[in-house]
Amino acid sequence: MENVQVDFAGQTVLEKIDEGVQYFTNSLRNEEEENLADIKALNYNLEKLKQEKKRLAQIKNNYVYSNKERIEEIRRLRQLIDELG
């Protein structure tokens, strides 16, 4: 770098060196990063769905338990009616 001569006044040595350099991005690495972001998003959505599934299962269980109690009450009342009837 000590021997590099600039082409015009105001040009820095780094600009001179950068002038002939071509930069490339690794397309495989970019795809990998995009895939990683997609996978993270999918995992996040999967966790949300699992939580929603648990919540809905709990609601279902509450309804089933509630319905069982009502059915048992109906049976008890029918039996009472039959006994009175």
N, C-alpha and C. Protein backbone atom coordinates (compact mmCIF):
# COMPACT_ATOMS: atom_id res chain seq x y z
N MET A 1 0.82 -1.19 0.00
CA MET A 1 0.00 0.00 0.00
C MET A 1 0.87 1.26 0.00
N GLU A 2 2.09 1.09 0.45
CA GLU A 2 2.98 2.27 0.50
C GLU A 2 3.33 2.74 -0.91
N ASN A 3 3.36 1.82 -1.89
CA ASN A 3 3.77 2.16 -3.25
C ASN A 3 2.61 2.55 -4.16
N VAL A 4 1.40 2.54 -3.64
CA VAL A 4 0.23 2.85 -4.45
C VAL A 4 0.17 4.36 -4.67
N GLN A 5 0.02 4.76 -5.94
CA GLN A 5 -0.11 6.17 -6.29
C GLN A 5 -1.55 6.45 -6.71
N VAL A 6 -2.13 7.49 -6.19
CA VAL A 6 -3.50 7.85 -6.56
C VAL A 6 -3.50 8.45 -7.96
N ASP A 7 -4.65 8.37 -8.64
CA ASP A 7 -4.77 8.84 -10.01
C ASP A 7 -5.04 10.33 -10.10
N PHE A 8 -5.67 10.89 -9.09
CA PHE A 8 -6.00 12.31 -9.12
C PHE A 8 -6.04 12.84 -7.70
N ALA A 9 -5.93 14.13 -7.60
CA ALA A 9 -5.94 14.77 -6.29
C ALA A 9 -7.29 14.54 -5.62
N GLY A 10 -7.27 14.17 -4.38
CA GLY A 10 -8.50 13.93 -3.64
C GLY A 10 -8.87 12.45 -3.58
N GLN A 11 -8.30 11.63 -4.45
CA GLN A 11 -8.57 10.20 -4.40
C GLN A 11 -7.75 9.59 -3.26
N THR A 12 -8.41 8.75 -2.45
CA THR A 12 -7.68 8.12 -1.36
C THR A 12 -7.06 6.83 -1.86
N VAL A 13 -6.10 6.32 -1.12
CA VAL A 13 -5.44 5.06 -1.47
C VAL A 13 -6.46 3.93 -1.46
N LEU A 14 -7.37 3.94 -0.48
CA LEU A 14 -8.40 2.89 -0.42
C LEU A 14 -9.31 2.94 -1.64
N GLU A 15 -9.67 4.12 -2.09
CA GLU A 15 -10.48 4.24 -3.30
C GLU A 15 -9.73 3.67 -4.50
N LYS A 16 -8.45 3.95 -4.59
CA LYS A 16 -7.62 3.44 -5.69
C LYS A 16 -7.58 1.92 -5.66
N ILE A 17 -7.39 1.36 -4.49
CA ILE A 17 -7.32 -0.09 -4.38
C ILE A 17 -8.68 -0.71 -4.68
N ASP A 18 -9.74 -0.11 -4.17
CA ASP A 18 -11.10 -0.63 -4.38
C ASP A 18 -11.52 -0.56 -5.85
N GLU A 19 -10.89 0.31 -6.61
CA GLU A 19 -11.28 0.55 -8.00
C GLU A 19 -11.25 -0.72 -8.84
N GLY A 20 -10.27 -1.56 -8.65
CA GLY A 20 -10.13 -2.76 -9.47
C GLY A 20 -10.68 -4.02 -8.81
N VAL A 21 -11.26 -3.87 -7.66
CA VAL A 21 -11.74 -5.04 -6.92
C VAL A 21 -13.22 -5.27 -7.22
N GLN A 22 -13.55 -6.51 -7.46
CA GLN A 22 -14.95 -6.89 -7.65
C GLN A 22 -15.40 -7.68 -6.43
N TYR A 23 -16.57 -7.36 -5.95
CA TYR A 23 -17.11 -8.04 -4.78
C TYR A 23 -18.27 -8.92 -5.21
N PHE A 24 -18.32 -10.10 -4.65
CA PHE A 24 -19.40 -11.03 -4.94
C PHE A 24 -19.99 -11.50 -3.62
N THR A 25 -21.27 -11.79 -3.66
CA THR A 25 -21.90 -12.38 -2.49
C THR A 25 -22.06 -13.87 -2.73
N ASN A 26 -21.98 -14.60 -1.68
CA ASN A 26 -22.16 -16.04 -1.77
C ASN A 26 -23.66 -16.32 -1.82
N SER A 27 -24.16 -16.68 -2.98
CA SER A 27 -25.61 -16.89 -3.14
C SER A 27 -26.10 -18.04 -2.29
N LEU A 28 -25.25 -19.05 -2.09
CA LEU A 28 -25.66 -20.16 -1.23
C LEU A 28 -25.84 -19.69 0.20
N ARG A 29 -24.96 -18.83 0.65
CA ARG A 29 -25.06 -18.30 2.01
C ARG A 29 -26.33 -17.46 2.17
N ASN A 30 -26.64 -16.65 1.15
CA ASN A 30 -27.85 -15.84 1.19
C ASN A 30 -29.10 -16.71 1.27
N GLU A 31 -29.12 -17.78 0.46
CA GLU A 31 -30.26 -18.70 0.48
C GLU A 31 -30.36 -19.37 1.84
N GLU A 32 -29.22 -19.72 2.41
CA GLU A 32 -29.20 -20.36 3.72
C GLU A 32 -29.78 -19.43 4.78
N GLU A 33 -29.41 -18.16 4.72
CA GLU A 33 -29.93 -17.19 5.68
C GLU A 33 -31.43 -16.99 5.49
N GLU A 34 -31.88 -16.94 4.24
CA GLU A 34 -33.31 -16.81 3.97
C GLU A 34 -34.05 -18.04 4.48
N ASN A 35 -33.48 -19.22 4.23
CA ASN A 35 -34.11 -20.45 4.70
C ASN A 35 -34.18 -20.48 6.22
N LEU A 36 -33.13 -20.01 6.86
CA LEU A 36 -33.09 -19.97 8.31
C LEU A 36 -34.19 -19.05 8.85
N ALA A 37 -34.36 -17.91 8.21
CA ALA A 37 -35.41 -16.98 8.63
C ALA A 37 -36.79 -17.62 8.43
N ASP A 38 -36.97 -18.32 7.31
CA ASP A 38 -38.24 -19.01 7.05
C ASP A 38 -38.49 -20.09 8.09
N ILE A 39 -37.45 -20.83 8.43
CA ILE A 39 -37.58 -21.91 9.42
C ILE A 39 -37.93 -21.34 10.78
N LYS A 40 -37.30 -20.23 11.16
CA LYS A 40 -37.61 -19.59 12.44
C LYS A 40 -39.07 -19.14 12.47
N ALA A 41 -39.53 -18.56 11.36
CA ALA A 41 -40.92 -18.11 11.29
C ALA A 41 -41.87 -19.30 11.38
N LEU A 42 -41.55 -20.39 10.70
CA LEU A 42 -42.39 -21.58 10.76
C LEU A 42 -42.43 -22.16 12.17
N ASN A 43 -41.28 -22.20 12.83
CA ASN A 43 -41.23 -22.72 14.21
C ASN A 43 -42.06 -21.84 15.14
N TYR A 44 -41.97 -20.54 14.95
CA TYR A 44 -42.75 -19.61 15.78
C TYR A 44 -44.25 -19.86 15.58
N ASN A 45 -44.65 -19.99 14.32
CA ASN A 45 -46.06 -20.25 14.02
C ASN A 45 -46.51 -21.61 14.54
N LEU A 46 -45.62 -22.60 14.47
CA LEU A 46 -45.93 -23.93 14.98
C LEU A 46 -46.16 -23.87 16.49
N GLU A 47 -45.33 -23.15 17.22
CA GLU A 47 -45.50 -23.01 18.66
C GLU A 47 -46.82 -22.31 19.00
N LYS A 48 -47.16 -21.28 18.22
CA LYS A 48 -48.44 -20.59 18.44
C LYS A 48 -49.61 -21.55 18.21
N LEU A 49 -49.52 -22.37 17.17
CA LEU A 49 -50.58 -23.34 16.87
C LEU A 49 -50.69 -24.39 17.98
N LYS A 50 -49.56 -24.83 18.51
CA LYS A 50 -49.58 -25.81 19.60
C LYS A 50 -50.25 -25.21 20.83
N GLN A 51 -49.95 -23.97 21.13
CA GLN A 51 -50.58 -23.30 22.27
C GLN A 51 -52.08 -23.15 22.05
N GLU A 52 -52.46 -22.80 20.84
CA GLU A 52 -53.89 -22.66 20.52
C GLU A 52 -54.59 -24.01 20.61
N LYS A 53 -53.92 -25.06 20.17
CA LYS A 53 -54.48 -26.42 20.25
C LYS A 53 -54.74 -26.79 21.71
N LYS A 54 -53.77 -26.50 22.59
CA LYS A 54 -53.94 -26.80 24.02
C LYS A 54 -55.11 -26.01 24.59
N ARG A 55 -55.20 -24.75 24.22
CA ARG A 55 -56.28 -23.89 24.73
C ARG A 55 -57.64 -24.42 24.28
N LEU A 56 -57.74 -24.80 23.01
CA LEU A 56 -59.00 -25.33 22.48
C LEU A 56 -59.34 -26.69 23.10
N ALA A 57 -58.33 -27.51 23.36
CA ALA A 57 -58.57 -28.80 24.00
C ALA A 57 -59.12 -28.60 25.41
N GLN A 58 -58.60 -27.60 26.11
CA GLN A 58 -59.10 -27.31 27.45
C GLN A 58 -60.56 -26.83 27.40
N ILE A 59 -60.87 -25.98 26.45
CA ILE A 59 -62.26 -25.52 26.29
C ILE A 59 -63.17 -26.71 25.98
N LYS A 60 -62.72 -27.58 25.08
CA LYS A 60 -63.51 -28.77 24.73
C LYS A 60 -63.75 -29.63 25.97
N ASN A 61 -62.69 -29.85 26.75
CA ASN A 61 -62.82 -30.67 27.95
C ASN A 61 -63.81 -30.05 28.93
N ASN A 62 -63.78 -28.74 29.04
CA ASN A 62 -64.74 -28.05 29.92
C ASN A 62 -66.17 -28.28 29.45
N TYR A 63 -66.40 -28.20 28.16
CA TYR A 63 -67.75 -28.43 27.61
C TYR A 63 -68.17 -29.88 27.81
N VAL A 64 -67.27 -30.80 27.57
CA VAL A 64 -67.59 -32.22 27.73
C VAL A 64 -67.96 -32.50 29.19
N TYR A 65 -67.17 -31.98 30.12
CA TYR A 65 -67.45 -32.19 31.54
C TYR A 65 -68.79 -31.56 31.91
N SER A 66 -69.02 -30.36 31.42
CA SER A 66 -70.28 -29.67 31.70
C SER A 66 -71.46 -30.45 31.13
N ASN A 67 -71.32 -30.98 29.92
CA ASN A 67 -72.39 -31.76 29.30
C ASN A 67 -72.64 -33.05 30.07
N LYS A 68 -71.59 -33.69 30.56
CA LYS A 68 -71.76 -34.92 31.34
C LYS A 68 -72.56 -34.63 32.60
N GLU A 69 -72.28 -33.52 33.25
CA GLU A 69 -73.03 -33.14 34.45
C GLU A 69 -74.51 -32.92 34.11
N ARG A 70 -74.77 -32.24 33.00
CA ARG A 70 -76.16 -31.98 32.59
C ARG A 70 -76.89 -33.27 32.24
N ILE A 71 -76.22 -34.16 31.54
CA ILE A 71 -76.83 -35.44 31.17
C ILE A 71 -77.16 -36.24 32.43
N GLU A 72 -76.23 -36.24 33.38
CA GLU A 72 -76.48 -36.94 34.64
C GLU A 72 -77.66 -36.33 35.39
N GLU A 73 -77.77 -35.02 35.37
CA GLU A 73 -78.90 -34.33 36.01
C GLU A 73 -80.21 -34.69 35.31
N ILE A 74 -80.21 -34.76 33.99
CA ILE A 74 -81.41 -35.15 33.23
C ILE A 74 -81.82 -36.58 33.59
N ARG A 75 -80.85 -37.48 33.66
CA ARG A 75 -81.15 -38.88 34.03
C ARG A 75 -81.77 -38.94 35.44
N ARG A 76 -81.19 -38.19 36.35
CA ARG A 76 -81.68 -38.16 37.72
C ARG A 76 -83.13 -37.64 37.76
N LEU A 77 -83.38 -36.56 37.01
CA LEU A 77 -84.74 -36.00 36.98
C LEU A 77 -85.73 -36.96 36.33
N ARG A 78 -85.34 -37.65 35.25
CA ARG A 78 -86.21 -38.62 34.59
C ARG A 78 -86.55 -39.78 35.52
N GLN A 79 -85.53 -40.21 36.25
CA GLN A 79 -85.75 -41.30 37.20
C GLN A 79 -86.74 -40.85 38.29
N LEU A 80 -86.57 -39.62 38.75
CA LEU A 80 -87.48 -39.06 39.75
C LEU A 80 -88.90 -38.97 39.22
N ILE A 81 -89.04 -38.54 37.96
CA ILE A 81 -90.36 -38.45 37.32
C ILE A 81 -90.98 -39.83 37.22
N ASP A 82 -90.16 -40.81 36.79
CA ASP A 82 -90.65 -42.19 36.68
C ASP A 82 -91.13 -42.73 38.02
N GLU A 83 -90.39 -42.40 39.06
CA GLU A 83 -90.76 -42.87 40.40
C GLU A 83 -92.05 -42.22 40.89
N LEU A 84 -92.24 -40.95 40.51
CA LEU A 84 -93.43 -40.22 40.92
C LEU A 84 -94.63 -40.57 40.04
N GLY A 85 -94.34 -40.95 38.81
CA GLY A 85 -95.32 -41.05 37.79
C GLY A 85 -96.27 -42.12 37.77
